[in-house]
Amino acid sequence: MTNLSFGHAITARYYSDTTHAASSGSLQVFPPVIDQMVMLTNGDCQISFANAPAATFTVLTATELSGAPVAWTELGQATEILPGQYQFNVPPALSYDTARYYCVRSP
C-alpha cells in the first residue's frame, strides 16, 4: 500500500501462472479534513479542503454535538476547483443564524 499526499492510498495485486492471470486494485479515500474557513465579502462562509482528485464530497452542518446521534443536515456537494482541491460556500442565511459545526463526508 502506498500513501499519497492528497490523503488516499492505492493497493494493487497481480497474480499469474502459465495459463491464467489476475489483477485487482483499489483506491481508498481518507476522511477529508477541513483546512480553511473564510468569510467572504458577500456573507458566505467558504469551506476548503484537499483529498483525492475526482472524488465526491458532501458538506454537512449541525448546531449541537452533544446529542447521540448528532443531527447532521446535508448542505450540498463540494466543488472541485483544482485536482484534489475542494470548496463549498455556506450561504449567509446559515452563516449568521447560530453557532454551527461543519463536517465533510464521502460520498
N, C-alpha and C. Protein backbone atom coordinates (compact mmCIF):
# COMPACT_ATOMS: atom_id res chain seq x y z
N MET A 1 0.85 -1.16 0.00
CA MET A 1 0.00 0.00 0.00
C MET A 1 0.90 1.23 0.00
N THR A 2 0.54 2.23 -0.79
CA THR A 2 1.30 3.46 -0.90
C THR A 2 0.44 4.62 -0.46
N ASN A 3 0.91 5.42 0.49
CA ASN A 3 0.18 6.62 0.91
C ASN A 3 0.62 7.78 0.04
N LEU A 4 -0.35 8.54 -0.44
CA LEU A 4 -0.06 9.67 -1.31
C LEU A 4 -0.42 10.97 -0.59
N SER A 5 0.11 12.09 -1.07
CA SER A 5 -0.02 13.37 -0.38
C SER A 5 -1.45 13.90 -0.31
N PHE A 6 -2.35 13.50 -1.21
CA PHE A 6 -3.71 14.02 -1.17
C PHE A 6 -4.62 13.23 -0.24
N GLY A 7 -4.09 12.31 0.52
CA GLY A 7 -4.91 11.61 1.50
C GLY A 7 -5.62 10.39 0.95
N HIS A 8 -4.98 9.66 0.05
CA HIS A 8 -5.58 8.41 -0.40
C HIS A 8 -4.48 7.36 -0.57
N ALA A 9 -4.88 6.14 -0.66
CA ALA A 9 -3.93 5.04 -0.81
C ALA A 9 -4.35 4.18 -1.99
N ILE A 10 -3.37 3.63 -2.68
CA ILE A 10 -3.63 2.74 -3.81
C ILE A 10 -3.06 1.37 -3.47
N THR A 11 -3.88 0.35 -3.67
CA THR A 11 -3.44 -1.03 -3.47
C THR A 11 -3.61 -1.76 -4.79
N ALA A 12 -2.58 -2.48 -5.22
CA ALA A 12 -2.67 -3.24 -6.46
C ALA A 12 -2.04 -4.61 -6.26
N ARG A 13 -2.66 -5.63 -6.88
CA ARG A 13 -2.15 -7.00 -6.81
C ARG A 13 -2.20 -7.61 -8.21
N TYR A 14 -1.20 -8.42 -8.51
CA TYR A 14 -1.16 -9.11 -9.80
C TYR A 14 -0.70 -10.54 -9.56
N TYR A 15 -1.44 -11.49 -10.10
CA TYR A 15 -1.10 -12.91 -9.96
C TYR A 15 -1.07 -13.53 -11.36
N SER A 16 -0.13 -14.44 -11.56
CA SER A 16 -0.01 -15.06 -12.89
C SER A 16 0.62 -16.44 -12.77
N ASP A 17 0.19 -17.33 -13.65
CA ASP A 17 0.89 -18.60 -13.86
C ASP A 17 0.98 -18.76 -15.37
N THR A 18 1.25 -19.93 -15.88
CA THR A 18 1.46 -20.11 -17.32
C THR A 18 0.18 -20.00 -18.14
N THR A 19 -1.01 -20.16 -17.52
CA THR A 19 -2.25 -20.11 -18.29
C THR A 19 -3.24 -19.05 -17.82
N HIS A 20 -3.11 -18.54 -16.62
CA HIS A 20 -4.07 -17.58 -16.09
C HIS A 20 -3.36 -16.37 -15.49
N ALA A 21 -4.02 -15.25 -15.58
CA ALA A 21 -3.51 -14.03 -14.95
C ALA A 21 -4.69 -13.32 -14.30
N ALA A 22 -4.45 -12.69 -13.17
CA ALA A 22 -5.50 -11.93 -12.49
C ALA A 22 -4.87 -10.71 -11.83
N SER A 23 -5.64 -9.64 -11.81
CA SER A 23 -5.16 -8.44 -11.13
C SER A 23 -6.34 -7.76 -10.45
N SER A 24 -6.04 -7.00 -9.43
CA SER A 24 -7.07 -6.23 -8.74
C SER A 24 -6.43 -4.97 -8.19
N GLY A 25 -7.25 -4.00 -7.90
CA GLY A 25 -6.74 -2.76 -7.33
C GLY A 25 -7.86 -1.98 -6.68
N SER A 26 -7.49 -1.05 -5.83
CA SER A 26 -8.50 -0.22 -5.18
C SER A 26 -7.89 1.12 -4.83
N LEU A 27 -8.74 2.13 -4.74
CA LEU A 27 -8.36 3.47 -4.32
C LEU A 27 -9.14 3.78 -3.06
N GLN A 28 -8.46 4.10 -1.99
CA GLN A 28 -9.11 4.40 -0.73
C GLN A 28 -9.04 5.90 -0.49
N VAL A 29 -10.21 6.52 -0.30
CA VAL A 29 -10.28 7.94 0.02
C VAL A 29 -10.35 8.07 1.53
N PHE A 30 -9.44 8.83 2.11
CA PHE A 30 -9.44 9.04 3.55
C PHE A 30 -10.43 10.13 3.92
N PRO A 31 -10.95 10.12 5.14
CA PRO A 31 -11.89 11.17 5.55
C PRO A 31 -11.28 12.55 5.35
N PRO A 32 -12.02 13.44 4.70
CA PRO A 32 -11.49 14.79 4.47
C PRO A 32 -11.44 15.58 5.77
N VAL A 33 -10.48 16.48 5.86
CA VAL A 33 -10.34 17.37 7.00
C VAL A 33 -10.43 18.81 6.49
N ILE A 34 -11.36 19.57 7.03
CA ILE A 34 -11.50 20.97 6.64
C ILE A 34 -10.23 21.71 7.06
N ASP A 35 -9.55 22.34 6.10
CA ASP A 35 -8.31 23.03 6.44
C ASP A 35 -8.43 24.54 6.41
N GLN A 36 -9.57 25.07 5.93
CA GLN A 36 -9.72 26.52 5.91
C GLN A 36 -11.20 26.89 5.86
N MET A 37 -11.55 27.91 6.64
CA MET A 37 -12.89 28.51 6.59
C MET A 37 -12.70 30.02 6.54
N VAL A 38 -13.29 30.67 5.53
CA VAL A 38 -13.11 32.10 5.30
C VAL A 38 -14.47 32.75 5.12
N MET A 39 -14.67 33.91 5.74
CA MET A 39 -15.89 34.69 5.50
C MET A 39 -15.64 35.56 4.27
N LEU A 40 -16.49 35.42 3.25
CA LEU A 40 -16.36 36.18 2.02
C LEU A 40 -17.11 37.51 2.15
N THR A 41 -16.81 38.45 1.27
CA THR A 41 -17.44 39.77 1.33
C THR A 41 -18.95 39.72 1.07
N ASN A 42 -19.43 38.68 0.39
CA ASN A 42 -20.86 38.56 0.13
C ASN A 42 -21.62 37.91 1.29
N GLY A 43 -20.89 37.56 2.38
CA GLY A 43 -21.52 36.96 3.55
C GLY A 43 -21.44 35.45 3.60
N ASP A 44 -21.04 34.81 2.50
CA ASP A 44 -20.87 33.35 2.51
C ASP A 44 -19.68 32.96 3.39
N CYS A 45 -19.75 31.79 3.96
CA CYS A 45 -18.62 31.18 4.66
C CYS A 45 -18.08 30.11 3.71
N GLN A 46 -16.82 30.24 3.29
CA GLN A 46 -16.23 29.32 2.33
C GLN A 46 -15.39 28.26 3.07
N ILE A 47 -15.72 27.00 2.84
CA ILE A 47 -15.01 25.87 3.44
C ILE A 47 -14.10 25.27 2.37
N SER A 48 -12.83 25.00 2.72
CA SER A 48 -11.87 24.43 1.77
C SER A 48 -11.19 23.22 2.39
N PHE A 49 -10.86 22.24 1.54
CA PHE A 49 -10.13 21.05 1.97
C PHE A 49 -9.51 20.36 0.77
N ALA A 50 -8.58 19.45 1.03
CA ALA A 50 -7.91 18.68 -0.03
C ALA A 50 -8.14 17.20 0.20
N ASN A 51 -8.21 16.45 -0.90
CA ASN A 51 -8.35 15.00 -0.83
C ASN A 51 -8.11 14.43 -2.22
N ALA A 52 -8.57 13.22 -2.47
CA ALA A 52 -8.35 12.55 -3.75
C ALA A 52 -9.03 13.32 -4.90
N PRO A 53 -8.34 13.50 -6.02
CA PRO A 53 -8.97 14.16 -7.17
C PRO A 53 -10.16 13.35 -7.69
N ALA A 54 -11.14 14.05 -8.22
CA ALA A 54 -12.32 13.47 -8.87
C ALA A 54 -13.21 12.67 -7.91
N ALA A 55 -13.12 12.93 -6.63
CA ALA A 55 -13.98 12.25 -5.66
C ALA A 55 -15.21 13.12 -5.39
N THR A 56 -16.21 12.55 -4.73
CA THR A 56 -17.44 13.27 -4.39
C THR A 56 -17.49 13.46 -2.89
N PHE A 57 -17.75 14.69 -2.46
CA PHE A 57 -17.83 15.01 -1.03
C PHE A 57 -19.09 15.81 -0.74
N THR A 58 -19.72 15.52 0.38
CA THR A 58 -20.91 16.23 0.82
C THR A 58 -20.59 16.99 2.10
N VAL A 59 -21.03 18.26 2.18
CA VAL A 59 -20.83 19.09 3.36
C VAL A 59 -22.08 19.01 4.22
N LEU A 60 -21.88 18.82 5.53
CA LEU A 60 -22.99 18.73 6.48
C LEU A 60 -22.81 19.76 7.59
N THR A 61 -23.92 20.11 8.26
CA THR A 61 -23.85 21.05 9.37
C THR A 61 -24.72 20.56 10.52
N ALA A 62 -24.37 21.00 11.73
CA ALA A 62 -25.16 20.71 12.93
C ALA A 62 -25.01 21.89 13.88
N THR A 63 -26.00 22.11 14.72
CA THR A 63 -25.92 23.19 15.71
C THR A 63 -25.55 22.67 17.09
N GLU A 64 -25.64 21.39 17.31
CA GLU A 64 -25.29 20.75 18.59
C GLU A 64 -24.51 19.48 18.33
N LEU A 65 -23.50 19.23 19.13
CA LEU A 65 -22.74 17.99 19.03
C LEU A 65 -22.99 17.07 20.23
N SER A 66 -23.82 17.53 21.15
CA SER A 66 -24.00 16.78 22.40
C SER A 66 -24.99 15.63 22.27
N GLY A 67 -25.86 15.64 21.28
CA GLY A 67 -26.84 14.57 21.13
C GLY A 67 -26.21 13.31 20.58
N ALA A 68 -26.87 12.20 20.84
CA ALA A 68 -26.39 10.94 20.29
C ALA A 68 -27.55 10.26 19.58
N PRO A 69 -27.57 10.13 18.30
CA PRO A 69 -26.55 10.61 17.37
C PRO A 69 -26.72 12.10 17.07
N VAL A 70 -25.65 12.71 16.56
CA VAL A 70 -25.70 14.13 16.18
C VAL A 70 -26.61 14.28 14.97
N ALA A 71 -27.44 15.32 14.98
CA ALA A 71 -28.39 15.57 13.89
C ALA A 71 -27.71 16.40 12.79
N TRP A 72 -26.99 15.73 11.90
CA TRP A 72 -26.32 16.42 10.79
C TRP A 72 -27.32 16.68 9.67
N THR A 73 -27.22 17.85 9.04
CA THR A 73 -28.06 18.24 7.91
C THR A 73 -27.17 18.42 6.69
N GLU A 74 -27.53 17.79 5.57
CA GLU A 74 -26.76 17.94 4.33
C GLU A 74 -26.97 19.34 3.77
N LEU A 75 -25.85 19.99 3.40
CA LEU A 75 -25.91 21.30 2.75
C LEU A 75 -25.73 21.18 1.24
N GLY A 76 -24.95 20.20 0.79
CA GLY A 76 -24.72 20.03 -0.64
C GLY A 76 -23.34 19.47 -0.92
N GLN A 77 -23.03 19.33 -2.20
CA GLN A 77 -21.74 18.77 -2.62
C GLN A 77 -20.69 19.87 -2.75
N ALA A 78 -19.47 19.54 -2.33
CA ALA A 78 -18.34 20.45 -2.52
C ALA A 78 -17.94 20.43 -4.00
N THR A 79 -17.37 21.54 -4.45
CA THR A 79 -16.92 21.68 -5.83
C THR A 79 -15.41 21.51 -5.89
N GLU A 80 -14.95 20.69 -6.84
CA GLU A 80 -13.51 20.53 -7.04
C GLU A 80 -13.02 21.69 -7.91
N ILE A 81 -12.24 22.61 -7.31
CA ILE A 81 -11.79 23.80 -8.04
C ILE A 81 -10.47 23.57 -8.77
N LEU A 82 -9.66 22.65 -8.27
CA LEU A 82 -8.43 22.17 -8.90
C LEU A 82 -8.35 20.69 -8.56
N PRO A 83 -7.56 19.90 -9.28
CA PRO A 83 -7.49 18.49 -8.93
C PRO A 83 -7.12 18.29 -7.45
N GLY A 84 -8.03 17.67 -6.71
CA GLY A 84 -7.80 17.39 -5.30
C GLY A 84 -8.07 18.54 -4.35
N GLN A 85 -8.49 19.70 -4.86
CA GLN A 85 -8.79 20.88 -4.03
C GLN A 85 -10.29 21.17 -4.12
N TYR A 86 -10.97 21.21 -2.96
CA TYR A 86 -12.42 21.33 -2.92
C TYR A 86 -12.84 22.56 -2.13
N GLN A 87 -14.00 23.12 -2.53
CA GLN A 87 -14.59 24.26 -1.81
C GLN A 87 -16.10 24.10 -1.75
N PHE A 88 -16.66 24.72 -0.71
CA PHE A 88 -18.11 24.79 -0.57
C PHE A 88 -18.44 26.12 0.09
N ASN A 89 -19.41 26.84 -0.47
CA ASN A 89 -19.83 28.12 0.11
C ASN A 89 -21.13 27.93 0.87
N VAL A 90 -21.08 28.23 2.17
CA VAL A 90 -22.26 28.18 3.02
C VAL A 90 -22.98 29.52 2.85
N PRO A 91 -24.27 29.51 2.48
CA PRO A 91 -24.98 30.78 2.26
C PRO A 91 -25.08 31.61 3.53
N PRO A 92 -25.17 32.95 3.39
CA PRO A 92 -25.23 33.84 4.55
C PRO A 92 -26.36 33.49 5.54
N ALA A 93 -27.47 32.99 5.05
CA ALA A 93 -28.59 32.66 5.94
C ALA A 93 -28.16 31.64 6.99
N LEU A 94 -27.24 30.74 6.64
CA LEU A 94 -26.77 29.74 7.59
C LEU A 94 -25.51 30.20 8.32
N SER A 95 -24.80 31.17 7.78
CA SER A 95 -23.53 31.60 8.37
C SER A 95 -23.72 32.40 9.65
N TYR A 96 -24.86 33.08 9.80
CA TYR A 96 -25.02 34.01 10.91
C TYR A 96 -26.10 33.64 11.92
N ASP A 97 -26.95 32.67 11.62
CA ASP A 97 -28.11 32.45 12.48
C ASP A 97 -27.77 31.90 13.85
N THR A 98 -26.77 31.06 13.98
CA THR A 98 -26.37 30.47 15.26
C THR A 98 -25.00 29.82 15.10
N ALA A 99 -24.40 29.41 16.20
CA ALA A 99 -23.12 28.69 16.11
C ALA A 99 -23.36 27.38 15.38
N ARG A 100 -22.47 27.04 14.45
CA ARG A 100 -22.62 25.82 13.66
C ARG A 100 -21.33 25.03 13.62
N TYR A 101 -21.49 23.74 13.44
CA TYR A 101 -20.39 22.81 13.25
C TYR A 101 -20.52 22.26 11.84
N TYR A 102 -19.38 22.02 11.20
CA TYR A 102 -19.38 21.51 9.83
C TYR A 102 -18.54 20.25 9.75
N CYS A 103 -18.93 19.36 8.86
CA CYS A 103 -18.12 18.19 8.54
C CYS A 103 -18.31 17.86 7.07
N VAL A 104 -17.39 17.08 6.55
CA VAL A 104 -17.41 16.67 5.14
C VAL A 104 -17.33 15.15 5.11
N ARG A 105 -18.14 14.54 4.25
CA ARG A 105 -18.09 13.08 4.10
C ARG A 105 -18.01 12.71 2.62
N SER A 106 -17.58 11.51 2.39
CA SER A 106 -17.52 10.99 1.02
C SER A 106 -18.24 9.64 1.02
N PRO A 107 -19.16 9.43 0.14
CA PRO A 107 -19.72 10.32 -0.85
C PRO A 107 -20.72 11.24 -0.26
